[in-house]
Amino acid sequence: RTSLVMPALTRAWPEADFFAPDRVYGAEDLGYRG
């Protein structure tokens, strides 16, 4: 299983497909509230 965890990603990132991820985690997906 492959994933990209991108803590500063706040917009669409079509280039992610090149890295073949099953899941991309952007800033909102991390659930950070600090």
PDB file of all heavy atoms in Angstrom:
ATOM      1  N   ARG A   1       0.871  -1.166   0.000  1.00  0.00           N
ATOM      2  CA  ARG A   1       0.000   0.000   0.000  1.00  0.00           C
ATOM      3  C   ARG A   1       0.915   1.226   0.000  1.00  0.00           C
ATOM      4  O   ARG A   1       1.916   1.267   0.726  1.00  0.00           O
ATOM      5  CB  ARG A   1      -0.906   0.010   1.226  1.00  0.00           C
ATOM      6  CG  ARG A   1      -1.738   1.293   1.377  1.00  0.00           C
ATOM      7  CD  ARG A   1      -2.666   1.205   2.566  1.00  0.00           C
ATOM      8  NE  ARG A   1      -3.277   2.490   2.864  1.00  0.00           N
ATOM      9  CZ  ARG A   1      -4.321   3.020   2.218  1.00  0.00           C
ATOM     10  NH1 ARG A   1      -4.875   2.344   1.213  1.00  0.00           N
ATOM     11  NH2 ARG A   1      -4.812   4.196   2.560  1.00  0.00           N
ATOM     12  N   THR A   2       0.597   2.237  -0.799  1.00  0.00           N
ATOM     13  CA  THR A   2       1.461   3.415  -0.894  1.00  0.00           C
ATOM     14  C   THR A   2       0.678   4.661  -0.483  1.00  0.00           C
ATOM     15  O   THR A   2      -0.518   4.792  -0.776  1.00  0.00           O
ATOM     16  CB  THR A   2       1.990   3.597  -2.324  1.00  0.00           C
ATOM     17  OG1 THR A   2       0.891   3.654  -3.244  1.00  0.00           O
ATOM     18  CG2 THR A   2       2.901   2.446  -2.712  1.00  0.00           C
ATOM     19  N   SER A   3       1.374   5.565   0.191  1.00  0.00           N
ATOM     20  CA  SER A   3       0.722   6.807   0.620  1.00  0.00           C
ATOM     21  C   SER A   3       1.699   7.967   0.538  1.00  0.00           C
ATOM     22  O   SER A   3       2.918   7.793   0.643  1.00  0.00           O
ATOM     23  CB  SER A   3       0.170   6.678   2.044  1.00  0.00           C
ATOM     24  OG  SER A   3       1.217   6.488   2.975  1.00  0.00           O
ATOM     25  N   LEU A   4       1.136   9.136   0.340  1.00  0.00           N
ATOM     26  CA  LEU A   4       1.876  10.398   0.389  1.00  0.00           C
ATOM     27  C   LEU A   4       1.281  11.220   1.512  1.00  0.00           C
ATOM     28  O   LEU A   4       0.070  11.480   1.527  1.00  0.00           O
ATOM     29  CB  LEU A   4       1.747  11.165  -0.934  1.00  0.00           C
ATOM     30  CG  LEU A   4       2.327  10.510  -2.192  1.00  0.00           C
ATOM     31  CD1 LEU A   4       1.942  11.334  -3.422  1.00  0.00           C
ATOM     32  CD2 LEU A   4       3.836  10.398  -2.093  1.00  0.00           C
ATOM     33  N   VAL A   5       2.113  11.641   2.452  1.00  0.00           N
ATOM     34  CA  VAL A   5       1.643  12.466   3.571  1.00  0.00           C
ATOM     35  C   VAL A   5       2.235  13.854   3.362  1.00  0.00           C
ATOM     36  O   VAL A   5       3.437  14.069   3.517  1.00  0.00           O
ATOM     37  CB  VAL A   5       2.093  11.874   4.918  1.00  0.00           C
ATOM     38  CG1 VAL A   5       1.569  12.729   6.074  1.00  0.00           C
ATOM     39  CG2 VAL A   5       1.618  10.434   5.051  1.00  0.00           C
ATOM     40  N   MET A   6       1.382  14.811   3.000  1.00  0.00           N
ATOM     41  CA  MET A   6       1.828  16.138   2.593  1.00  0.00           C
ATOM     42  C   MET A   6       1.248  17.184   3.541  1.00  0.00           C
ATOM     43  O   MET A   6       0.141  17.704   3.329  1.00  0.00           O
ATOM     44  CB  MET A   6       1.375  16.429   1.161  1.00  0.00           C
ATOM     45  CG  MET A   6       1.661  15.287   0.166  1.00  0.00           C
ATOM     46  SD  MET A   6       3.418  14.897   0.042  1.00  0.00           S
ATOM     47  CE  MET A   6       4.005  16.333  -0.837  1.00  0.00           C
ATOM     48  N   PRO A   7       1.953  17.523   4.618  1.00  0.00           N
ATOM     49  CA  PRO A   7       1.378  18.376   5.667  1.00  0.00           C
ATOM     50  C   PRO A   7       1.094  19.809   5.260  1.00  0.00           C
ATOM     51  O   PRO A   7       0.379  20.516   5.982  1.00  0.00           O
ATOM     52  CB  PRO A   7       2.441  18.325   6.774  1.00  0.00           C
ATOM     53  CG  PRO A   7       3.700  17.929   6.090  1.00  0.00           C
ATOM     54  CD  PRO A   7       3.296  17.040   4.963  1.00  0.00           C
ATOM     55  N   ALA A   8       1.630  20.276   4.130  1.00  0.00           N
ATOM     56  CA  ALA A   8       1.351  21.648   3.701  1.00  0.00           C
ATOM     57  C   ALA A   8       0.471  21.687   2.461  1.00  0.00           C
ATOM     58  O   ALA A   8       0.265  22.765   1.889  1.00  0.00           O
ATOM     59  CB  ALA A   8       2.655  22.389   3.420  1.00  0.00           C
ATOM     60  N   LEU A   9      -0.071  20.556   2.035  1.00  0.00           N
ATOM     61  CA  LEU A   9      -0.897  20.503   0.820  1.00  0.00           C
ATOM     62  C   LEU A   9      -2.292  21.016   1.127  1.00  0.00           C
ATOM     63  O   LEU A   9      -3.028  20.419   1.919  1.00  0.00           O
ATOM     64  CB  LEU A   9      -0.952  19.074   0.292  1.00  0.00           C
ATOM     65  CG  LEU A   9      -1.728  18.863  -1.006  1.00  0.00           C
ATOM     66  CD1 LEU A   9      -1.097  19.614  -2.152  1.00  0.00           C
ATOM     67  CD2 LEU A   9      -1.831  17.372  -1.325  1.00  0.00           C
ATOM     68  N   THR A  10      -2.660  22.107   0.469  1.00  0.00           N
ATOM     69  CA  THR A  10      -3.969  22.719   0.719  1.00  0.00           C
ATOM     70  C   THR A  10      -4.800  22.882  -0.545  1.00  0.00           C
ATOM     71  O   THR A  10      -5.845  23.514  -0.509  1.00  0.00           O
ATOM     72  CB  THR A  10      -3.790  24.102   1.375  1.00  0.00           C
ATOM     73  OG1 THR A  10      -2.989  24.932   0.512  1.00  0.00           O
ATOM     74  CG2 THR A  10      -3.115  23.990   2.734  1.00  0.00           C
ATOM     75  N   ARG A  11      -4.354  22.321  -1.661  1.00  0.00           N
ATOM     76  CA  ARG A  11      -5.081  22.468  -2.917  1.00  0.00           C
ATOM     77  C   ARG A  11      -4.919  21.200  -3.742  1.00  0.00           C
ATOM     78  O   ARG A  11      -4.214  20.274  -3.353  1.00  0.00           O
ATOM     79  CB  ARG A  11      -4.551  23.667  -3.697  1.00  0.00           C
ATOM     80  CG  ARG A  11      -3.041  23.654  -3.899  1.00  0.00           C
ATOM     81  CD  ARG A  11      -2.559  24.868  -4.662  1.00  0.00           C
ATOM     82  NE  ARG A  11      -1.123  24.994  -4.700  1.00  0.00           N
ATOM     83  CZ  ARG A  11      -0.302  24.288  -5.473  1.00  0.00           C
ATOM     84  NH1 ARG A  11      -0.813  23.384  -6.294  1.00  0.00           N
ATOM     85  NH2 ARG A  11       0.998  24.475  -5.447  1.00  0.00           N
ATOM     86  N   ALA A  12      -5.593  21.174  -4.877  1.00  0.00           N
ATOM     87  CA  ALA A  12      -5.488  20.012  -5.758  1.00  0.00           C
ATOM     88  C   ALA A  12      -4.044  19.834  -6.219  1.00  0.00           C
ATOM     89  O   ALA A  12      -3.331  20.812  -6.468  1.00  0.00           O
ATOM     90  CB  ALA A  12      -6.415  20.187  -6.963  1.00  0.00           C
ATOM     91  N   TRP A  13      -3.632  18.582  -6.355  1.00  0.00           N
ATOM     92  CA  TRP A  13      -2.255  18.271  -6.743  1.00  0.00           C
ATOM     93  C   TRP A  13      -2.280  17.125  -7.758  1.00  0.00           C
ATOM     94  O   TRP A  13      -2.037  15.972  -7.412  1.00  0.00           O
ATOM     95  CB  TRP A  13      -1.438  17.909  -5.511  1.00  0.00           C
ATOM     96  CG  TRP A  13       0.021  17.688  -5.784  1.00  0.00           C
ATOM     97  CD1 TRP A  13       0.814  18.366  -6.652  1.00  0.00           C
ATOM     98  CD2 TRP A  13       0.849  16.696  -5.173  1.00  0.00           C
ATOM     99  NE1 TRP A  13       2.101  17.876  -6.631  1.00  0.00           N
ATOM    100  CE2 TRP A  13       2.153  16.844  -5.725  1.00  0.00           C
ATOM    101  CE3 TRP A  13       0.637  15.710  -4.211  1.00  0.00           C
ATOM    102  CZ2 TRP A  13       3.219  16.029  -5.344  1.00  0.00           C
ATOM    103  CZ3 TRP A  13       1.697  14.905  -3.830  1.00  0.00           C
ATOM    104  CH2 TRP A  13       2.973  15.066  -4.387  1.00  0.00           C
ATOM    105  N   PRO A  14      -2.566  17.420  -9.003  1.00  0.00           N
ATOM    106  CA  PRO A  14      -2.683  16.351 -10.004  1.00  0.00           C
ATOM    107  C   PRO A  14      -1.392  15.580 -10.220  1.00  0.00           C
ATOM    108  O   PRO A  14      -1.414  14.422 -10.634  1.00  0.00           O
ATOM    109  CB  PRO A  14      -3.107  17.105 -11.272  1.00  0.00           C
ATOM    110  CG  PRO A  14      -2.724  18.536 -11.034  1.00  0.00           C
ATOM    111  CD  PRO A  14      -2.857  18.748  -9.569  1.00  0.00           C
ATOM    112  N   GLU A  15      -0.223  16.210  -9.946  1.00  0.00           N
ATOM    113  CA  GLU A  15       1.054  15.522 -10.130  1.00  0.00           C
ATOM    114  C   GLU A  15       1.221  14.325  -9.198  1.00  0.00           C
ATOM    115  O   GLU A  15       2.104  13.483  -9.403  1.00  0.00           O
ATOM    116  CB  GLU A  15       2.208  16.490  -9.897  1.00  0.00           C
ATOM    117  CG  GLU A  15       2.285  17.639 -10.893  1.00  0.00           C
ATOM    118  CD  GLU A  15       1.518  18.867 -10.422  1.00  0.00           C
ATOM    119  OE1 GLU A  15       0.639  18.716  -9.520  1.00  0.00           O
ATOM    120  OE2 GLU A  15       1.781  19.964 -10.923  1.00  0.00           O
ATOM    121  N   ALA A  16       0.364  14.227  -8.171  1.00  0.00           N
ATOM    122  CA  ALA A  16       0.486  13.120  -7.220  1.00  0.00           C
ATOM    123  C   ALA A  16       0.365  11.769  -7.914  1.00  0.00           C
ATOM    124  O   ALA A  16       0.972  10.781  -7.476  1.00  0.00           O
ATOM    125  CB  ALA A  16      -0.575  13.258  -6.136  1.00  0.00           C
ATOM    126  N   ASP A  17      -0.400  11.688  -8.999  1.00  0.00           N
ATOM    127  CA  ASP A  17      -0.597  10.408  -9.689  1.00  0.00           C
ATOM    128  C   ASP A  17       0.718   9.808 -10.163  1.00  0.00           C
ATOM    129  O   ASP A  17       0.843   8.583 -10.276  1.00  0.00           O
ATOM    130  CB  ASP A  17      -1.531  10.595 -10.882  1.00  0.00           C
ATOM    131  CG  ASP A  17      -2.956  10.912 -10.457  1.00  0.00           C
ATOM    132  OD1 ASP A  17      -3.288  10.656  -9.282  1.00  0.00           O
ATOM    133  OD2 ASP A  17      -3.721  11.442 -11.281  1.00  0.00           O
ATOM    134  N   PHE A  18       1.701  10.655 -10.450  1.00  0.00           N
ATOM    135  CA  PHE A  18       2.997  10.163 -10.911  1.00  0.00           C
ATOM    136  C   PHE A  18       3.646   9.259  -9.861  1.00  0.00           C
ATOM    137  O   PHE A  18       4.386   8.331 -10.193  1.00  0.00           O
ATOM    138  CB  PHE A  18       3.910  11.355 -11.225  1.00  0.00           C
ATOM    139  CG  PHE A  18       5.304  10.994 -11.620  1.00  0.00           C
ATOM    140  CD1 PHE A  18       5.559  10.344 -12.818  1.00  0.00           C
ATOM    141  CD2 PHE A  18       6.380  11.310 -10.799  1.00  0.00           C
ATOM    142  CE1 PHE A  18       6.859  10.010 -13.188  1.00  0.00           C
ATOM    143  CE2 PHE A  18       7.690  10.987 -11.167  1.00  0.00           C
ATOM    144  CZ  PHE A  18       7.924  10.326 -12.372  1.00  0.00           C
ATOM    145  N   PHE A  19       3.369   9.520  -8.580  1.00  0.00           N
ATOM    146  CA  PHE A  19       3.980   8.767  -7.490  1.00  0.00           C
ATOM    147  C   PHE A  19       3.126   7.570  -7.061  1.00  0.00           C
ATOM    148  O   PHE A  19       3.446   6.918  -6.056  1.00  0.00           O
ATOM    149  CB  PHE A  19       4.232   9.694  -6.304  1.00  0.00           C
ATOM    150  CG  PHE A  19       5.152  10.844  -6.635  1.00  0.00           C
ATOM    151  CD1 PHE A  19       4.626  12.092  -6.962  1.00  0.00           C
ATOM    152  CD2 PHE A  19       6.521  10.673  -6.658  1.00  0.00           C
ATOM    153  CE1 PHE A  19       5.465  13.156  -7.296  1.00  0.00           C
ATOM    154  CE2 PHE A  19       7.359  11.719  -6.985  1.00  0.00           C
ATOM    155  CZ  PHE A  19       6.834  12.964  -7.311  1.00  0.00           C
ATOM    156  N   ALA A  20       2.088   7.278  -7.795  1.00  0.00           N
ATOM    157  CA  ALA A  20       1.273   6.065  -7.620  1.00  0.00           C
ATOM    158  C   ALA A  20       0.789   5.852  -6.193  1.00  0.00           C
ATOM    159  O   ALA A  20       0.945   4.755  -5.638  1.00  0.00           O
ATOM    160  CB  ALA A  20       2.064   4.850  -8.107  1.00  0.00           C
ATOM    161  N   PRO A  21       0.192   6.858  -5.553  1.00  0.00           N
ATOM    162  CA  PRO A  21      -0.270   6.638  -4.181  1.00  0.00           C
ATOM    163  C   PRO A  21      -1.660   5.999  -4.139  1.00  0.00           C
ATOM    164  O   PRO A  21      -2.525   6.268  -4.978  1.00  0.00           O
ATOM    165  CB  PRO A  21      -0.330   8.056  -3.619  1.00  0.00           C
ATOM    166  CG  PRO A  21      -0.710   8.900  -4.809  1.00  0.00           C
ATOM    167  CD  PRO A  21      -0.058   8.243  -6.006  1.00  0.00           C
ATOM    168  N   ASP A  22      -1.867   5.138  -3.151  1.00  0.00           N
ATOM    169  CA  ASP A  22      -3.226   4.695  -2.866  1.00  0.00           C
ATOM    170  C   ASP A  22      -3.990   5.774  -2.115  1.00  0.00           C
ATOM    171  O   ASP A  22      -5.212   5.857  -2.211  1.00  0.00           O
ATOM    172  CB  ASP A  22      -3.192   3.413  -2.018  1.00  0.00           C
ATOM    173  CG  ASP A  22      -2.711   2.221  -2.817  1.00  0.00           C
ATOM    174  OD1 ASP A  22      -3.297   1.942  -3.875  1.00  0.00           O
ATOM    175  OD2 ASP A  22      -1.721   1.580  -2.404  1.00  0.00           O
ATOM    176  N   ARG A  23      -3.254   6.611  -1.401  1.00  0.00           N
ATOM    177  CA  ARG A  23      -3.903   7.672  -0.634  1.00  0.00           C
ATOM    178  C   ARG A  23      -2.952   8.854  -0.502  1.00  0.00           C
ATOM    179  O   ARG A  23      -1.753   8.682  -0.259  1.00  0.00           O
ATOM    180  CB  ARG A  23      -4.291   7.162   0.753  1.00  0.00           C
ATOM    181  CG  ARG A  23      -4.906   8.192   1.687  1.00  0.00           C
ATOM    182  CD  ARG A  23      -6.283   8.647   1.206  1.00  0.00           C
ATOM    183  NE  ARG A  23      -6.786   9.780   1.948  1.00  0.00           N
ATOM    184  CZ  ARG A  23      -7.489   9.689   3.105  1.00  0.00           C
ATOM    185  NH1 ARG A  23      -7.751   8.501   3.633  1.00  0.00           N
ATOM    186  NH2 ARG A  23      -7.918  10.782   3.709  1.00  0.00           N
ATOM    187  N   VAL A  24      -3.488  10.048  -0.671  1.00  0.00           N
ATOM    188  CA  VAL A  24      -2.749  11.287  -0.433  1.00  0.00           C
ATOM    189  C   VAL A  24      -3.379  11.976   0.769  1.00  0.00           C
ATOM    190  O   VAL A  24      -4.592  12.239   0.780  1.00  0.00           O
ATOM    191  CB  VAL A  24      -2.793  12.228  -1.656  1.00  0.00           C
ATOM    192  CG1 VAL A  24      -2.068  13.536  -1.343  1.00  0.00           C
ATOM    193  CG2 VAL A  24      -2.185  11.562  -2.879  1.00  0.00           C
ATOM    194  N   TYR A  25      -2.563  12.270   1.757  1.00  0.00           N
ATOM    195  CA  TYR A  25      -3.039  12.977   2.937  1.00  0.00           C
ATOM    196  C   TYR A  25      -2.575  14.427   2.844  1.00  0.00           C
ATOM    197  O   TYR A  25      -1.379  14.717   2.936  1.00  0.00           O
ATOM    198  CB  TYR A  25      -2.484  12.347   4.215  1.00  0.00           C
ATOM    199  CG  TYR A  25      -2.954  10.931   4.455  1.00  0.00           C
ATOM    200  CD1 TYR A  25      -2.209   9.847   3.977  1.00  0.00           C
ATOM    201  CD2 TYR A  25      -4.121  10.671   5.159  1.00  0.00           C
ATOM    202  CE1 TYR A  25      -2.627   8.540   4.207  1.00  0.00           C
ATOM    203  CE2 TYR A  25      -4.556   9.365   5.385  1.00  0.00           C
ATOM    204  CZ  TYR A  25      -3.800   8.313   4.900  1.00  0.00           C
ATOM    205  OH  TYR A  25      -4.232   7.019   5.112  1.00  0.00           O
ATOM    206  N   GLY A  26      -3.533  15.349   2.661  1.00  0.00           N
ATOM    207  CA  GLY A  26      -3.222  16.768   2.673  1.00  0.00           C
ATOM    208  C   GLY A  26      -3.336  17.335   4.068  1.00  0.00           C
ATOM    209  O   GLY A  26      -3.569  16.609   5.050  1.00  0.00           O
ATOM    210  N   ALA A  27      -3.201  18.641   4.177  1.00  0.00           N
ATOM    211  CA  ALA A  27      -3.204  19.280   5.488  1.00  0.00           C
ATOM    212  C   ALA A  27      -4.495  19.005   6.256  1.00  0.00           C
ATOM    213  O   ALA A  27      -4.476  18.691   7.456  1.00  0.00           O
ATOM    214  CB  ALA A  27      -2.994  20.787   5.330  1.00  0.00           C
ATOM    215  N   GLU A  28      -5.627  19.086   5.588  1.00  0.00           N
ATOM    216  CA  GLU A  28      -6.907  18.876   6.266  1.00  0.00           C
ATOM    217  C   GLU A  28      -7.085  17.436   6.716  1.00  0.00           C
ATOM    218  O   GLU A  28      -7.753  17.166   7.712  1.00  0.00           O
ATOM    219  CB  GLU A  28      -8.056  19.292   5.341  1.00  0.00           C
ATOM    220  CG  GLU A  28      -8.256  20.793   5.237  1.00  0.00           C
ATOM    221  CD  GLU A  28      -8.609  21.416   6.587  1.00  0.00           C
ATOM    222  OE1 GLU A  28      -9.447  20.836   7.313  1.00  0.00           O
ATOM    223  OE2 GLU A  28      -8.040  22.461   6.924  1.00  0.00           O
ATOM    224  N   ASP A  29      -6.511  16.515   5.964  1.00  0.00           N
ATOM    225  CA  ASP A  29      -6.690  15.097   6.285  1.00  0.00           C
ATOM    226  C   ASP A  29      -5.950  14.675   7.540  1.00  0.00           C
ATOM    227  O   ASP A  29      -6.248  13.629   8.120  1.00  0.00           O
ATOM    228  CB  ASP A  29      -6.211  14.235   5.111  1.00  0.00           C
ATOM    229  CG  ASP A  29      -6.958  14.542   3.829  1.00  0.00           C
ATOM    230  OD1 ASP A  29      -8.194  14.625   3.882  1.00  0.00           O
ATOM    231  OD2 ASP A  29      -6.299  14.712   2.786  1.00  0.00           O
ATOM    232  N   LEU A  30      -4.978  15.460   7.964  1.00  0.00           N
ATOM    233  CA  LEU A  30      -4.193  15.084   9.136  1.00  0.00           C
ATOM    234  C   LEU A  30      -4.919  15.371  10.439  1.00  0.00           C
ATOM    235  O   LEU A  30      -4.540  14.864  11.487  1.00  0.00           O
ATOM    236  CB  LEU A  30      -2.843  15.814   9.120  1.00  0.00           C
ATOM    237  CG  LEU A  30      -1.945  15.552   7.918  1.00  0.00           C
ATOM    238  CD1 LEU A  30      -0.610  16.273   8.081  1.00  0.00           C
ATOM    239  CD2 LEU A  30      -1.724  14.063   7.717  1.00  0.00           C
ATOM    240  N   GLY A  31      -5.947  16.218  10.396  1.00  0.00           N
ATOM    241  CA  GLY A  31      -6.729  16.497  11.597  1.00  0.00           C
ATOM    242  C   GLY A  31      -6.044  17.395  12.603  1.00  0.00           C
ATOM    243  O   GLY A  31      -6.361  17.357  13.796  1.00  0.00           O
ATOM    244  N   TYR A  32      -5.129  18.218  12.134  1.00  0.00           N
ATOM    245  CA  TYR A  32      -4.380  19.081  13.055  1.00  0.00           C
ATOM    246  C   TYR A  32      -5.196  20.312  13.409  1.00  0.00           C
ATOM    247  O   TYR A  32      -5.724  21.005  12.530  1.00  0.00           O
ATOM    248  CB  TYR A  32      -3.062  19.502  12.406  1.00  0.00           C
ATOM    249  CG  TYR A  32      -2.166  20.330  13.302  1.00  0.00           C
ATOM    250  CD1 TYR A  32      -1.605  19.773  14.442  1.00  0.00           C
ATOM    251  CD2 TYR A  32      -1.887  21.658  13.002  1.00  0.00           C
ATOM    252  CE1 TYR A  32      -0.774  20.520  15.262  1.00  0.00           C
ATOM    253  CE2 TYR A  32      -1.056  22.409  13.812  1.00  0.00           C
ATOM    254  CZ  TYR A  32      -0.505  21.836  14.946  1.00  0.00           C
ATOM    255  OH  TYR A  32       0.307  22.571  15.759  1.00  0.00           O
ATOM    256  N   ARG A  33      -5.285  20.612  14.703  1.00  0.00           N
ATOM    257  CA  ARG A  33      -6.051  21.767  15.174  1.00  0.00           C
ATOM    258  C   ARG A  33      -5.209  22.698  16.047  1.00  0.00           C
ATOM    259  O   ARG A  33      -5.742  23.601  16.692  1.00  0.00           O
ATOM    260  CB  ARG A  33      -7.277  21.295  15.964  1.00  0.00           C
ATOM    261  CG  ARG A  33      -8.257  20.465  15.142  1.00  0.00           C
ATOM    262  CD  ARG A  33      -8.867  21.270  14.011  1.00  0.00           C
ATOM    263  NE  ARG A  33      -9.777  20.484  13.193  1.00  0.00           N
ATOM    264  CZ  ARG A  33      -9.444  19.863  12.074  1.00  0.00           C
ATOM    265  NH1 ARG A  33      -8.182  19.958  11.622  1.00  0.00           N
ATOM    266  NH2 ARG A  33     -10.312  19.148  11.405  1.00  0.00           N
ATOM    267  N   GLY A  34      -3.913  22.507  16.035  1.00  0.00           N
ATOM    268  CA  GLY A  34      -3.043  23.364  16.819  1.00  0.00           C
ATOM    269  C   GLY A  34      -2.535  24.533  15.997  1.00  0.00           C
ATOM    270  O   GLY A  34      -2.945  24.746  14.854  1.00  0.00           O
TER     271      GLY A  34
END
